[in-house]
PDB file of N, CA and C in Angstrom:
ATOM      1  N   UNK A   1       0.840  -1.173   0.000  1.00  0.00           N
ATOM      2  CA  UNK A   1       0.000   0.000   0.000  1.00  0.00           C
ATOM      3  C   UNK A   1       0.887   1.238   0.000  1.00  0.00           C
ATOM      4  N   UNK A   2       0.535   2.224  -0.835  1.00  0.00           N
ATOM      5  CA  UNK A   2       1.307   3.459  -0.916  1.00  0.00           C
ATOM      6  C   UNK A   2       0.947   4.394   0.226  1.00  0.00           C
ATOM      7  N   UNK A   3       1.960   5.131   0.674  1.00  0.00           N
ATOM      8  CA  UNK A   3       1.723   6.111   1.724  1.00  0.00           C
ATOM      9  C   UNK A   3       1.135   7.383   1.124  1.00  0.00           C
ATOM     10  N   UNK A   4       0.364   8.081   1.927  1.00  0.00           N
ATOM     11  CA  UNK A   4      -0.177   9.367   1.504  1.00  0.00           C
ATOM     12  C   UNK A   4       0.860  10.423   1.846  1.00  0.00           C
ATOM     13  N   UNK A   5       1.261  11.178   0.851  1.00  0.00           N
ATOM     14  CA  UNK A   5       2.273  12.211   1.050  1.00  0.00           C
ATOM     15  C   UNK A   5       1.622  13.585   0.939  1.00  0.00           C
ATOM     16  N   UNK A   6       2.313  14.639   1.412  1.00  0.00           N
ATOM     17  CA  UNK A   6       1.732  15.979   1.298  1.00  0.00           C
ATOM     18  C   UNK A   6       1.543  16.424  -0.152  1.00  0.00           C
ATOM     19  N   UNK A   7       2.314  15.880  -1.074  1.00  0.00           N
ATOM     20  CA  UNK A   7       2.214  16.235  -2.487  1.00  0.00           C
ATOM     21  C   UNK A   7       1.847  14.998  -3.299  1.00  0.00           C
ATOM     22  N   UNK A   8       0.560  14.648  -3.352  1.00  0.00           N
ATOM     23  CA  UNK A   8       0.176  13.452  -4.089  1.00  0.00           C
ATOM     24  C   UNK A   8       0.422  13.617  -5.586  1.00  0.00           C
ATOM     25  N   UNK A   9       0.602  12.519  -6.303  1.00  0.00           N
ATOM     26  CA  UNK A   9       0.812  12.614  -7.752  1.00  0.00           C
ATOM     27  C   UNK A   9      -0.462  13.089  -8.434  1.00  0.00           C
ATOM     28  N   UNK A  10      -0.329  13.612  -9.677  1.00  0.00           N
ATOM     29  CA  UNK A  10      -1.531  14.026 -10.408  1.00  0.00           C
ATOM     30  C   UNK A  10      -2.503  12.860 -10.560  1.00  0.00           C
ATOM     31  N   UNK A  11      -3.773  13.185 -10.666  1.00  0.00           N
ATOM     32  CA  UNK A  11      -4.803  12.158 -10.797  1.00  0.00           C
ATOM     33  C   UNK A  11      -4.543  11.289 -12.011  1.00  0.00           C
ATOM     34  N   UNK A  12      -4.777  10.009 -11.888  1.00  0.00           N
ATOM     35  CA  UNK A  12      -4.659   9.035 -12.971  1.00  0.00           C
ATOM     36  C   UNK A  12      -3.260   8.990 -13.579  1.00  0.00           C
ATOM     37  N   UNK A  13      -2.269   9.495 -12.866  1.00  0.00           N
ATOM     38  CA  UNK A  13      -0.924   9.482 -13.404  1.00  0.00           C
ATOM     39  C   UNK A  13      -0.741  10.406 -14.594  1.00  0.00           C
ATOM     40  N   UNK A  14      -1.680  11.292 -14.839  1.00  0.00           N
ATOM     41  CA  UNK A  14      -1.633  12.197 -15.983  1.00  0.00           C
ATOM     42  C   UNK A  14      -0.555  13.245 -15.771  1.00  0.00           C
ATOM     43  N   UNK A  15       0.325  13.416 -16.724  1.00  0.00           N
ATOM     44  CA  UNK A  15       1.385  14.408 -16.629  1.00  0.00           C
ATOM     45  C   UNK A  15       1.084  15.634 -17.486  1.00  0.00           C
ATOM     46  N   UNK A  16      -0.109  15.764 -17.987  1.00  0.00           N
ATOM     47  CA  UNK A  16      -0.451  16.850 -18.897  1.00  0.00           C
ATOM     48  C   UNK A  16      -0.701  18.172 -18.183  1.00  0.00           C
ATOM     49  N   UNK A  17      -0.887  18.164 -16.884  1.00  0.00           N
ATOM     50  CA  UNK A  17      -1.174  19.403 -16.169  1.00  0.00           C
ATOM     51  C   UNK A  17      -2.645  19.493 -15.822  1.00  0.00           C
ATOM     52  N   UNK A  18      -2.973  20.492 -15.019  1.00  0.00           N
ATOM     53  CA  UNK A  18      -4.347  20.661 -14.559  1.00  0.00           C
ATOM     54  C   UNK A  18      -4.723  22.131 -14.630  1.00  0.00           C
ATOM     55  N   UNK A  19      -5.998  22.367 -14.581  1.00  0.00           N
ATOM     56  CA  UNK A  19      -6.472  23.736 -14.457  1.00  0.00           C
ATOM     57  C   UNK A  19      -6.169  24.149 -13.030  1.00  0.00           C
ATOM     58  N   UNK A  20      -5.342  25.189 -12.841  1.00  0.00           N
ATOM     59  CA  UNK A  20      -4.825  25.433 -11.501  1.00  0.00           C
ATOM     60  C   UNK A  20      -5.067  26.848 -10.974  1.00  0.00           C
ATOM     61  N   UNK A  21      -6.140  27.467 -11.343  1.00  0.00           N
ATOM     62  CA  UNK A  21      -6.487  28.753 -10.728  1.00  0.00           C
ATOM     63  C   UNK A  21      -6.971  28.459  -9.307  1.00  0.00           C
ATOM     64  N   UNK A  22      -7.075  29.485  -8.485  1.00  0.00           N
ATOM     65  CA  UNK A  22      -7.617  29.264  -7.141  1.00  0.00           C
ATOM     66  C   UNK A  22      -9.107  28.979  -7.279  1.00  0.00           C
ATOM     67  N   UNK A  23      -9.476  27.770  -6.948  1.00  0.00           N
ATOM     68  CA  UNK A  23     -10.843  27.330  -7.191  1.00  0.00           C
ATOM     69  C   UNK A  23     -11.588  27.100  -5.893  1.00  0.00           C
ATOM     70  N   UNK A  24     -12.877  27.377  -5.918  1.00  0.00           N
ATOM     71  CA  UNK A  24     -13.720  27.027  -4.788  1.00  0.00           C
ATOM     72  C   UNK A  24     -13.949  25.523  -4.815  1.00  0.00           C
ATOM     73  N   UNK A  25     -14.479  25.016  -3.761  1.00  0.00           N
ATOM     74  CA  UNK A  25     -14.764  23.578  -3.685  1.00  0.00           C
ATOM     75  C   UNK A  25     -15.731  23.156  -4.793  1.00  0.00           C
ATOM     76  N   UNK A  26     -16.747  23.963  -5.049  1.00  0.00           N
ATOM     77  CA  UNK A  26     -17.738  23.649  -6.087  1.00  0.00           C
ATOM     78  C   UNK A  26     -17.088  23.658  -7.477  1.00  0.00           C
ATOM     79  N   UNK A  27     -16.262  24.683  -7.742  1.00  0.00           N
ATOM     80  CA  UNK A  27     -15.584  24.750  -9.037  1.00  0.00           C
ATOM     81  C   UNK A  27     -14.681  23.541  -9.243  1.00  0.00           C
ATOM     82  N   UNK A  28     -13.964  23.165  -8.206  1.00  0.00           N
ATOM     83  CA  UNK A  28     -13.075  22.008  -8.299  1.00  0.00           C
ATOM     84  C   UNK A  28     -13.861  20.754  -8.640  1.00  0.00           C
ATOM     85  N   UNK A  29     -15.002  20.575  -7.997  1.00  0.00           N
ATOM     86  CA  UNK A  29     -15.841  19.399  -8.260  1.00  0.00           C
ATOM     87  C   UNK A  29     -16.325  19.387  -9.707  1.00  0.00           C
ATOM     88  N   UNK A  30     -16.781  20.537 -10.193  1.00  0.00           N
ATOM     89  CA  UNK A  30     -17.258  20.619 -11.576  1.00  0.00           C
ATOM     90  C   UNK A  30     -16.136  20.358 -12.572  1.00  0.00           C
ATOM     91  N   UNK A  31     -14.977  20.949 -12.334  1.00  0.00           N
ATOM     92  CA  UNK A  31     -13.861  20.762 -13.262  1.00  0.00           C
ATOM     93  C   UNK A  31     -13.299  19.356 -13.231  1.00  0.00           C
ATOM     94  N   UNK A  32     -13.241  18.727 -12.064  1.00  0.00           N
ATOM     95  CA  UNK A  32     -12.752  17.349 -12.007  1.00  0.00           C
ATOM     96  C   UNK A  32     -13.666  16.423 -12.795  1.00  0.00           C
ATOM     97  N   UNK A  33     -14.979  16.650 -12.709  1.00  0.00           N
ATOM     98  CA  UNK A  33     -15.915  15.829 -13.482  1.00  0.00           C
ATOM     99  C   UNK A  33     -15.659  15.999 -14.975  1.00  0.00           C
ATOM    100  N   UNK A  34     -15.458  17.231 -15.407  1.00  0.00           N
ATOM    101  CA  UNK A  34     -15.218  17.487 -16.831  1.00  0.00           C
ATOM    102  C   UNK A  34     -13.847  16.977 -17.271  1.00  0.00           C
ATOM    103  N   UNK A  35     -12.841  17.148 -16.448  1.00  0.00           N
ATOM    104  CA  UNK A  35     -11.509  16.671 -16.800  1.00  0.00           C
ATOM    105  C   UNK A  35     -11.485  15.155 -16.955  1.00  0.00           C
ATOM    106  N   UNK A  36     -12.230  14.450 -16.120  1.00  0.00           N
ATOM    107  CA  UNK A  36     -12.309  12.988 -16.276  1.00  0.00           C
ATOM    108  C   UNK A  36     -12.891  12.627 -17.641  1.00  0.00           C
ATOM    109  N   UNK A  37     -13.918  13.359 -18.068  1.00  0.00           N
ATOM    110  CA  UNK A  37     -14.507  13.112 -19.388  1.00  0.00           C
ATOM    111  C   UNK A  37     -13.511  13.461 -20.486  1.00  0.00           C
ATOM    112  N   UNK A  38     -12.772  14.560 -20.315  1.00  0.00           N
ATOM    113  CA  UNK A  38     -11.761  14.940 -21.309  1.00  0.00           C
ATOM    114  C   UNK A  38     -10.683  13.875 -21.435  1.00  0.00           C
ATOM    115  N   UNK A  39     -10.225  13.365 -20.312  1.00  0.00           N
ATOM    116  CA  UNK A  39      -9.172  12.348 -20.331  1.00  0.00           C
ATOM    117  C   UNK A  39      -9.621  11.092 -21.070  1.00  0.00           C
ATOM    118  N   UNK A  40     -10.911  10.817 -21.033  1.00  0.00           N
ATOM    119  CA  UNK A  40     -11.430   9.638 -21.721  1.00  0.00           C
ATOM    120  C   UNK A  40     -11.518   9.847 -23.233  1.00  0.00           C
ATOM    121  N   UNK A  41     -11.617  11.109 -23.686  1.00  0.00           N
ATOM    122  CA  UNK A  41     -11.843  11.379 -25.105  1.00  0.00           C
ATOM    123  C   UNK A  41     -10.724  12.153 -25.805  1.00  0.00           C
ATOM    124  N   UNK A  42      -9.832  12.751 -25.045  1.00  0.00           N
ATOM    125  CA  UNK A  42      -8.770  13.558 -25.645  1.00  0.00           C
ATOM    126  C   UNK A  42      -7.417  13.075 -25.144  1.00  0.00           C
ATOM    127  N   UNK A  43      -6.396  13.382 -25.891  1.00  0.00           N
ATOM    128  CA  UNK A  43      -5.046  13.063 -25.438  1.00  0.00           C
ATOM    129  C   UNK A  43      -4.056  14.019 -26.083  1.00  0.00           C
ATOM    130  N   UNK A  44      -2.859  14.020 -25.574  1.00  0.00           N
ATOM    131  CA  UNK A  44      -1.787  14.798 -26.164  1.00  0.00           C
ATOM    132  C   UNK A  44      -2.086  16.271 -26.291  1.00  0.00           C
ATOM    133  N   UNK A  45      -1.783  16.800 -27.437  1.00  0.00           N
ATOM    134  CA  UNK A  45      -1.889  18.242 -27.704  1.00  0.00           C
ATOM    135  C   UNK A  45      -3.328  18.757 -27.560  1.00  0.00           C
ATOM    136  N   UNK A  46      -4.298  17.989 -28.026  1.00  0.00           N
ATOM    137  CA  UNK A  46      -5.699  18.423 -27.932  1.00  0.00           C
ATOM    138  C   UNK A  46      -6.108  18.629 -26.474  1.00  0.00           C
ATOM    139  N   UNK A  47      -5.662  17.749 -25.599  1.00  0.00           N
ATOM    140  CA  UNK A  47      -5.982  17.867 -24.178  1.00  0.00           C
ATOM    141  C   UNK A  47      -5.314  19.105 -23.576  1.00  0.00           C
ATOM    142  N   UNK A  48      -4.064  19.325 -23.897  1.00  0.00           N
ATOM    143  CA  UNK A  48      -3.326  20.479 -23.375  1.00  0.00           C
ATOM    144  C   UNK A  48      -3.976  21.783 -23.840  1.00  0.00           C
ATOM    145  N   UNK A  49      -4.363  21.852 -25.108  1.00  0.00           N
ATOM    146  CA  UNK A  49      -4.999  23.055 -25.648  1.00  0.00           C
ATOM    147  C   UNK A  49      -6.329  23.313 -24.940  1.00  0.00           C
ATOM    148  N   UNK A  50      -7.108  22.271 -24.743  1.00  0.00           N
ATOM    149  CA  UNK A  50      -8.411  22.438 -24.102  1.00  0.00           C
ATOM    150  C   UNK A  50      -8.248  22.890 -22.647  1.00  0.00           C
ATOM    151  N   UNK A  51      -7.319  22.288 -21.918  1.00  0.00           N
ATOM    152  CA  UNK A  51      -7.099  22.701 -20.535  1.00  0.00           C
ATOM    153  C   UNK A  51      -6.551  24.130 -20.466  1.00  0.00           C
ATOM    154  N   UNK A  52      -5.737  24.509 -21.434  1.00  0.00           N
ATOM    155  CA  UNK A  52      -5.228  25.881 -21.491  1.00  0.00           C
ATOM    156  C   UNK A  52      -6.345  26.888 -21.693  1.00  0.00           C
ATOM    157  N   UNK A  53      -7.289  26.565 -22.540  1.00  0.00           N
ATOM    158  CA  UNK A  53      -8.433  27.449 -22.776  1.00  0.00           C
ATOM    159  C   UNK A  53      -9.273  27.595 -21.515  1.00  0.00           C
ATOM    160  N   UNK A  54      -9.481  26.496 -20.807  1.00  0.00           N
ATOM    161  CA  UNK A  54     -10.275  26.552 -19.572  1.00  0.00           C
ATOM    162  C   UNK A  54      -9.559  27.374 -18.505  1.00  0.00           C
ATOM    163  N   UNK A  55      -8.245  27.244 -18.436  1.00  0.00           N
ATOM    164  CA  UNK A  55      -7.467  28.024 -17.475  1.00  0.00           C
ATOM    165  C   UNK A  55      -7.600  29.511 -17.774  1.00  0.00           C
ATOM    166  N   UNK A  56      -7.470  29.892 -19.041  1.00  0.00           N
ATOM    167  CA  UNK A  56      -7.598  31.298 -19.432  1.00  0.00           C
ATOM    168  C   UNK A  56      -8.985  31.829 -19.067  1.00  0.00           C
ATOM    169  N   UNK A  57     -10.010  31.043 -19.309  1.00  0.00           N
ATOM    170  CA  UNK A  57     -11.385  31.449 -18.994  1.00  0.00           C
ATOM    171  C   UNK A  57     -11.556  31.638 -17.487  1.00  0.00           C
ATOM    172  N   UNK A  58     -11.065  30.688 -16.689  1.00  0.00           N
ATOM    173  CA  UNK A  58     -11.209  30.795 -15.237  1.00  0.00           C
ATOM    174  C   UNK A  58     -10.462  32.006 -14.683  1.00  0.00           C
ATOM    175  N   UNK A  59      -9.269  32.256 -15.186  1.00  0.00           N
ATOM    176  CA  UNK A  59      -8.520  33.426 -14.728  1.00  0.00           C
ATOM    177  C   UNK A  59      -9.263  34.714 -15.069  1.00  0.00           C
ATOM    178  N   UNK A  60      -9.822  34.789 -16.263  1.00  0.00           N
ATOM    179  CA  UNK A  60     -10.580  35.966 -16.675  1.00  0.00           C
ATOM    180  C   UNK A  60     -11.794  36.151 -15.764  1.00  0.00           C
ATOM    181  N   UNK A  61     -12.507  35.065 -15.483  1.00  0.00           N
ATOM    182  CA  UNK A  61     -13.682  35.127 -14.604  1.00  0.00           C
ATOM    183  C   UNK A  61     -13.292  35.575 -13.198  1.00  0.00           C
ATOM    184  N   UNK A  62     -12.247  34.970 -12.648  1.00  0.00           N
ATOM    185  CA  UNK A  62     -11.837  35.276 -11.276  1.00  0.00           C
ATOM    186  C   UNK A  62     -11.381  36.722 -11.128  1.00  0.00           C
ATOM    187  N   UNK A  63     -10.745  37.268 -12.144  1.00  0.00           N
ATOM    188  CA  UNK A  63     -10.329  38.680 -12.083  1.00  0.00           C
ATOM    189  C   UNK A  63     -11.532  39.603 -11.971  1.00  0.00           C
ATOM    190  N   UNK A  64     -12.656  39.154 -12.431  1.00  0.00           N
ATOM    191  CA  UNK A  64     -13.884  39.947 -12.366  1.00  0.00           C
ATOM    192  C   UNK A  64     -14.759  39.575 -11.178  1.00  0.00           C
ATOM    193  N   UNK A  65     -14.283  38.664 -10.337  1.00  0.00           N
ATOM    194  CA  UNK A  65     -15.003  38.310  -9.118  1.00  0.00           C
ATOM    195  C   UNK A  65     -16.097  37.275  -9.296  1.00  0.00           C
ATOM    196  N   UNK A  66     -16.045  36.486 -10.368  1.00  0.00           N
ATOM    197  CA  UNK A  66     -17.063  35.469 -10.616  1.00  0.00           C
ATOM    198  C   UNK A  66     -16.470  34.073 -10.510  1.00  0.00           C
ATOM    199  N   UNK A  67     -17.348  33.112 -10.317  1.00  0.00           N
ATOM    200  CA  UNK A  67     -16.956  31.708 -10.331  1.00  0.00           C
ATOM    201  C   UNK A  67     -17.514  31.056 -11.585  1.00  0.00           C
ATOM    202  N   UNK A  68     -17.094  29.838 -11.825  1.00  0.00           N
ATOM    203  CA  UNK A  68     -17.462  29.083 -13.018  1.00  0.00           C
ATOM    204  C   UNK A  68     -18.977  29.007 -13.223  1.00  0.00           C
ATOM    205  N   UNK A  69     -19.714  28.697 -12.187  1.00  0.00           N
ATOM    206  CA  UNK A  69     -21.158  28.521 -12.298  1.00  0.00           C
ATOM    207  C   UNK A  69     -21.951  29.813 -12.349  1.00  0.00           C
ATOM    208  N   UNK A  70     -21.276  30.955 -12.199  1.00  0.00           N
ATOM    209  CA  UNK A  70     -21.958  32.241 -12.186  1.00  0.00           C
ATOM    210  C   UNK A  70     -21.901  32.967 -13.526  1.00  0.00           C
ATOM    211  N   UNK A  71     -21.305  32.364 -14.517  1.00  0.00           N
ATOM    212  CA  UNK A  71     -21.139  33.019 -15.820  1.00  0.00           C
ATOM    213  C   UNK A  71     -22.447  33.039 -16.599  1.00  0.00           C
ATOM    214  N   UNK A  72     -22.633  34.125 -17.348  1.00  0.00           N
ATOM    215  CA  UNK A  72     -23.787  34.290 -18.219  1.00  0.00           C
ATOM    216  C   UNK A  72     -23.301  34.488 -19.645  1.00  0.00           C
ATOM    217  N   UNK A  73     -24.200  34.411 -20.627  1.00  0.00           N
ATOM    218  CA  UNK A  73     -23.774  34.576 -22.020  1.00  0.00           C
ATOM    219  C   UNK A  73     -22.989  35.863 -22.266  1.00  0.00           C
ATOM    220  N   UNK A  74     -23.389  36.957 -21.624  1.00  0.00           N
ATOM    221  CA  UNK A  74     -22.671  38.210 -21.845  1.00  0.00           C
ATOM    222  C   UNK A  74     -21.241  38.148 -21.301  1.00  0.00           C
ATOM    223  N   UNK A  75     -20.998  37.309 -20.292  1.00  0.00           N
ATOM    224  CA  UNK A  75     -19.636  37.123 -19.793  1.00  0.00           C
ATOM    225  C   UNK A  75     -18.779  36.411 -20.836  1.00  0.00           C
ATOM    226  N   UNK A  76     -19.327  35.350 -21.414  1.00  0.00           N
ATOM    227  CA  UNK A  76     -18.592  34.630 -22.463  1.00  0.00           C
ATOM    228  C   UNK A  76     -18.338  35.533 -23.666  1.00  0.00           C
ATOM    229  N   UNK A  77     -19.339  36.312 -24.035  1.00  0.00           N
ATOM    230  CA  UNK A  77     -19.177  37.222 -25.173  1.00  0.00           C
ATOM    231  C   UNK A  77     -18.118  38.283 -24.860  1.00  0.00           C
ATOM    232  N   UNK A  78     -18.104  38.786 -23.630  1.00  0.00           N
ATOM    233  CA  UNK A  78     -17.113  39.774 -23.232  1.00  0.00           C
ATOM    234  C   UNK A  78     -15.702  39.199 -23.247  1.00  0.00           C
ATOM    235  N   UNK A  79     -15.554  37.971 -22.781  1.00  0.00           N
ATOM    236  CA  UNK A  79     -14.251  37.299 -22.799  1.00  0.00           C
ATOM    237  C   UNK A  79     -13.771  37.123 -24.231  1.00  0.00           C
ATOM    238  N   UNK A  80     -14.688  36.701 -25.078  1.00  0.00           N
ATOM    239  CA  UNK A  80     -14.345  36.466 -26.481  1.00  0.00           C
ATOM    240  C   UNK A  80     -13.851  37.760 -27.138  1.00  0.00           C
ATOM    241  N   UNK A  81     -14.519  38.877 -26.842  1.00  0.00           N
ATOM    242  CA  UNK A  81     -14.121  40.162 -27.421  1.00  0.00           C
ATOM    243  C   UNK A  81     -12.837  40.699 -26.793  1.00  0.00           C
ATOM    244  N   UNK A  82     -12.767  40.671 -25.464  1.00  0.00           N
ATOM    245  CA  UNK A  82     -11.642  41.316 -24.781  1.00  0.00           C
ATOM    246  C   UNK A  82     -10.328  40.579 -24.983  1.00  0.00           C
ATOM    247  N   UNK A  83     -10.378  39.284 -25.059  1.00  0.00           N
ATOM    248  CA  UNK A  83      -9.149  38.501 -25.170  1.00  0.00           C
ATOM    249  C   UNK A  83      -8.848  38.097 -26.612  1.00  0.00           C
ATOM    250  N   UNK A  84      -9.701  38.515 -27.550  1.00  0.00           N
ATOM    251  CA  UNK A  84      -9.545  38.106 -28.950  1.00  0.00           C
ATOM    252  C   UNK A  84      -9.357  36.589 -29.029  1.00  0.00           C
ATOM    253  N   UNK A  85     -10.286  35.917 -28.397  1.00  0.00           N
ATOM    254  CA  UNK A  85     -10.210  34.467 -28.249  1.00  0.00           C
ATOM    255  C   UNK A  85     -10.386  33.771 -29.590  1.00  0.00           C
ATOM    256  N   UNK A  86      -9.528  32.807 -29.840  1.00  0.00           N
ATOM    257  CA  UNK A  86      -9.635  32.006 -31.055  1.00  0.00           C
ATOM    258  C   UNK A  86     -10.831  31.069 -30.949  1.00  0.00           C
ATOM    259  N   UNK A  87     -11.338  30.652 -32.079  1.00  0.00           N
ATOM    260  CA  UNK A  87     -12.544  29.811 -32.113  1.00  0.00           C
ATOM    261  C   UNK A  87     -12.368  28.526 -31.311  1.00  0.00           C
ATOM    262  N   UNK A  88     -11.210  27.865 -31.402  1.00  0.00           N
ATOM    263  CA  UNK A  88     -11.051  26.590 -30.694  1.00  0.00           C
ATOM    264  C   UNK A  88     -11.029  26.789 -29.176  1.00  0.00           C
ATOM    265  N   UNK A  89     -10.529  27.928 -28.696  1.00  0.00           N
ATOM    266  CA  UNK A  89     -10.542  28.187 -27.256  1.00  0.00           C
ATOM    267  C   UNK A  89     -11.969  28.476 -26.779  1.00  0.00           C
ATOM    268  N   UNK A  90     -12.692  29.238 -27.580  1.00  0.00           N
ATOM    269  CA  UNK A  90     -14.079  29.549 -27.230  1.00  0.00           C
ATOM    270  C   UNK A  90     -14.919  28.275 -27.231  1.00  0.00           C
ATOM    271  N   UNK A  91     -14.699  27.423 -28.213  1.00  0.00           N
ATOM    272  CA  UNK A  91     -15.452  26.162 -28.295  1.00  0.00           C
ATOM    273  C   UNK A  91     -15.120  25.250 -27.114  1.00  0.00           C
ATOM    274  N   UNK A  92     -13.892  25.280 -26.624  1.00  0.00           N
ATOM    275  CA  UNK A  92     -13.518  24.470 -25.458  1.00  0.00           C
ATOM    276  C   UNK A  92     -14.322  24.884 -24.231  1.00  0.00           C
ATOM    277  N   UNK A  93     -14.500  26.185 -24.051  1.00  0.00           N
ATOM    278  CA  UNK A  93     -15.272  26.674 -22.903  1.00  0.00           C
ATOM    279  C   UNK A  93     -16.757  26.371 -23.093  1.00  0.00           C
ATOM    280  N   UNK A  94     -17.251  26.539 -24.318  1.00  0.00           N
ATOM    281  CA  UNK A  94     -18.656  26.177 -24.585  1.00  0.00           C
ATOM    282  C   UNK A  94     -18.898  24.699 -24.320  1.00  0.00           C
ATOM    283  N   UNK A  95     -17.940  23.855 -24.676  1.00  0.00           N
ATOM    284  CA  UNK A  95     -18.080  22.410 -24.443  1.00  0.00           C
ATOM    285  C   UNK A  95     -18.126  22.100 -22.943  1.00  0.00           C
ATOM    286  N   UNK A  96     -17.345  22.827 -22.161  1.00  0.00           N
ATOM    287  CA  UNK A  96     -17.379  22.647 -20.705  1.00  0.00           C
ATOM    288  C   UNK A  96     -18.782  22.916 -20.176  1.00  0.00           C
ATOM    289  N   UNK A  97     -19.356  24.054 -20.549  1.00  0.00           N
ATOM    290  CA  UNK A  97     -20.688  24.404 -20.048  1.00  0.00           C
ATOM    291  C   UNK A  97     -21.758  23.456 -20.580  1.00  0.00           C
ATOM    292  N   UNK A  98     -21.624  23.034 -21.826  1.00  0.00           N
ATOM    293  CA  UNK A  98     -22.581  22.073 -22.384  1.00  0.00           C
ATOM    294  C   UNK A  98     -22.539  20.765 -21.596  1.00  0.00           C
ATOM    295  N   UNK A  99     -21.336  20.292 -21.287  1.00  0.00           N
ATOM    296  CA  UNK A  99     -21.154  19.059 -20.511  1.00  0.00           C
ATOM    297  C   UNK A  99     -21.790  19.193 -19.121  1.00  0.00           C
ATOM    298  N   UNK A 100     -21.474  20.281 -18.428  1.00  0.00           N
ATOM    299  CA  UNK A 100     -21.997  20.470 -17.070  1.00  0.00           C
ATOM    300  C   UNK A 100     -23.514  20.628 -17.062  1.00  0.00           C
ATOM    301  N   UNK A 101     -24.050  21.303 -18.066  1.00  0.00           N
ATOM    302  CA  UNK A 101     -25.503  21.479 -18.158  1.00  0.00           C
ATOM    303  C   UNK A 101     -26.198  20.150 -18.470  1.00  0.00           C
ATOM    304  N   UNK A 102     -25.672  19.403 -19.415  1.00  0.00           N
ATOM    305  CA  UNK A 102     -26.300  18.126 -19.801  1.00  0.00           C
ATOM    306  C   UNK A 102     -26.292  17.116 -18.660  1.00  0.00           C
ATOM    307  N   UNK A 103     -25.324  17.208 -17.773  1.00  0.00           N
ATOM    308  CA  UNK A 103     -25.260  16.306 -16.630  1.00  0.00           C
ATOM    309  C   UNK A 103     -25.914  16.902 -15.388  1.00  0.00           C
ATOM    310  N   UNK A 104     -26.629  17.998 -15.590  1.00  0.00           N
ATOM    311  CA  UNK A 104     -27.384  18.684 -14.542  1.00  0.00           C
ATOM    312  C   UNK A 104     -26.514  19.135 -13.371  1.00  0.00           C
ATOM    313  N   UNK A 105     -25.275  19.494 -13.673  1.00  0.00           N
ATOM    314  CA  UNK A 105     -24.385  20.041 -12.659  1.00  0.00           C
ATOM    315  C   UNK A 105     -24.483  21.563 -12.609  1.00  0.00           C
ATOM    316  N   UNK A 106     -25.027  22.159 -13.680  1.00  0.00           N
ATOM    317  CA  UNK A 106     -25.330  23.588 -13.726  1.00  0.00           C
ATOM    318  C   UNK A 106     -26.770  23.762 -14.197  1.00  0.00           C
ATOM    319  N   UNK A 107     -27.398  24.850 -13.773  1.00  0.00           N
ATOM    320  CA  UNK A 107     -28.792  25.102 -14.151  1.00  0.00           C
ATOM    321  C   UNK A 107     -28.952  25.772 -15.500  1.00  0.00           C
ATOM    322  N   UNK A 108     -27.889  26.364 -15.996  1.00  0.00           N
ATOM    323  CA  UNK A 108     -27.978  27.038 -17.290  1.00  0.00           C
ATOM    324  C   UNK A 108     -26.679  26.825 -18.071  1.00  0.00           C
ATOM    325  N   UNK A 109     -26.772  26.985 -19.367  1.00  0.00           N
ATOM    326  CA  UNK A 109     -25.616  26.850 -20.258  1.00  0.00           C
ATOM    327  C   UNK A 109     -25.389  28.199 -20.929  1.00  0.00           C
ATOM    328  N   UNK A 110     -24.431  28.993 -20.422  1.00  0.00           N
ATOM    329  CA  UNK A 110     -24.238  30.327 -20.989  1.00  0.00           C
ATOM    330  C   UNK A 110     -23.736  30.317 -22.427  1.00  0.00           C
ATOM    331  N   UNK A 111     -23.158  29.232 -22.873  1.00  0.00           N
ATOM    332  CA  UNK A 111     -22.647  29.176 -24.239  1.00  0.00           C
ATOM    333  C   UNK A 111     -23.668  28.754 -25.265  1.00  0.00           C
ATOM    334  N   UNK A 112     -24.845  28.328 -24.827  1.00  0.00           N
ATOM    335  CA  UNK A 112     -25.846  27.787 -25.748  1.00  0.00           C
ATOM    336  C   UNK A 112     -26.365  28.821 -26.738  1.00  0.00           C
ATOM    337  N   UNK A 113     -26.464  30.057 -26.333  1.00  0.00           N
ATOM    338  CA  UNK A 113     -27.054  31.082 -27.201  1.00  0.00           C
ATOM    339  C   UNK A 113     -26.012  31.820 -28.039  1.00  0.00           C
ATOM    340  N   UNK A 114     -24.748  31.526 -27.817  1.00  0.00           N
ATOM    341  CA  UNK A 114     -23.690  32.231 -28.546  1.00  0.00           C
ATOM    342  C   UNK A 114     -23.189  31.402 -29.715  1.00  0.00           C
ATOM    343  N   UNK A 115     -22.875  32.101 -30.787  1.00  0.00           N
ATOM    344  CA  UNK A 115     -22.307  31.433 -31.950  1.00  0.00           C
ATOM    345  C   UNK A 115     -20.796  31.506 -31.880  1.00  0.00           C
ATOM    346  N   UNK A 116     -20.146  30.603 -32.593  1.00  0.00           N
ATOM    347  CA  UNK A 116     -18.697  30.642 -32.677  1.00  0.00           C
ATOM    348  C   UNK A 116     -18.263  31.919 -33.388  1.00  0.00           C
ATOM    349  N   UNK A 117     -17.104  32.454 -32.997  1.00  0.00           N
ATOM    350  CA  UNK A 117     -16.608  33.609 -33.734  1.00  0.00           C
ATOM    351  C   UNK A 117     -16.326  33.224 -35.178  1.00  0.00           C
ATOM    352  N   UNK A 118     -16.476  34.160 -36.104  1.00  0.00           N
ATOM    353  CA  UNK A 118     -16.218  33.820 -37.508  1.00  0.00           C
ATOM    354  C   UNK A 118     -14.765  33.437 -37.705  1.00  0.00           C
ATOM    355  N   UNK A 119     -14.551  32.427 -38.539  1.00  0.00           N
ATOM    356  CA  UNK A 119     -13.181  31.993 -38.846  1.00  0.00           C
ATOM    357  C   UNK A 119     -12.639  32.837 -39.979  1.00  0.00           C
ATOM    358  N   UNK A 120     -11.417  33.239 -39.807  1.00  0.00           N
ATOM    359  CA  UNK A 120     -10.761  34.006 -40.858  1.00  0.00           C
ATOM    360  C   UNK A 120     -10.108  33.040 -41.827  1.00  0.00           C
ATOM    361  N   UNK A 121     -10.211  33.377 -43.096  1.00  0.00           N
ATOM    362  CA  UNK A 121      -9.624  32.521 -44.131  1.00  0.00           C
ATOM    363  C   UNK A 121      -8.112  32.533 -44.079  1.00  0.00           C
ATOM    364  N   UNK A 122      -7.505  31.438 -44.460  1.00  0.00           N
ATOM    365  CA  UNK A 122      -6.048  31.358 -44.496  1.00  0.00           C
ATOM    366  C   UNK A 122      -5.530  32.109 -45.706  1.00  0.00           C
ATOM    367  N   UNK A 123      -4.372  32.695 -45.507  1.00  0.00           N
ATOM    368  CA  UNK A 123      -3.770  33.457 -46.606  1.00  0.00           C
ATOM    369  C   UNK A 123      -2.571  32.742 -47.123  1.00  0.00           C
TER     370      UNK A 123
END
């Protein structure tokens, strides 16, 4: 049997990193549920990019005094405009809210009414 140490290893032996903003207990519970689903469906670079987008979103929310479950569509739209968020980062955050809403962990899905930002053509 392994001993419990003050610095336990990352969950599931994953070395990809975690969303590490200062989180409330509720936020941690919601994100752990979503991260488990991500680990089952994503790997490598896609997982790192998605977790990076969620980290950026949480930091933006926390700077404004909000938590994950308190976001509204206008918050997502404001983040998208202020940070010049790329479509894949915005979609990662929308997927988080869609997941939490579908599993009845949140009462509303702030990303449901917003469209993806227009994609710019390659030159």
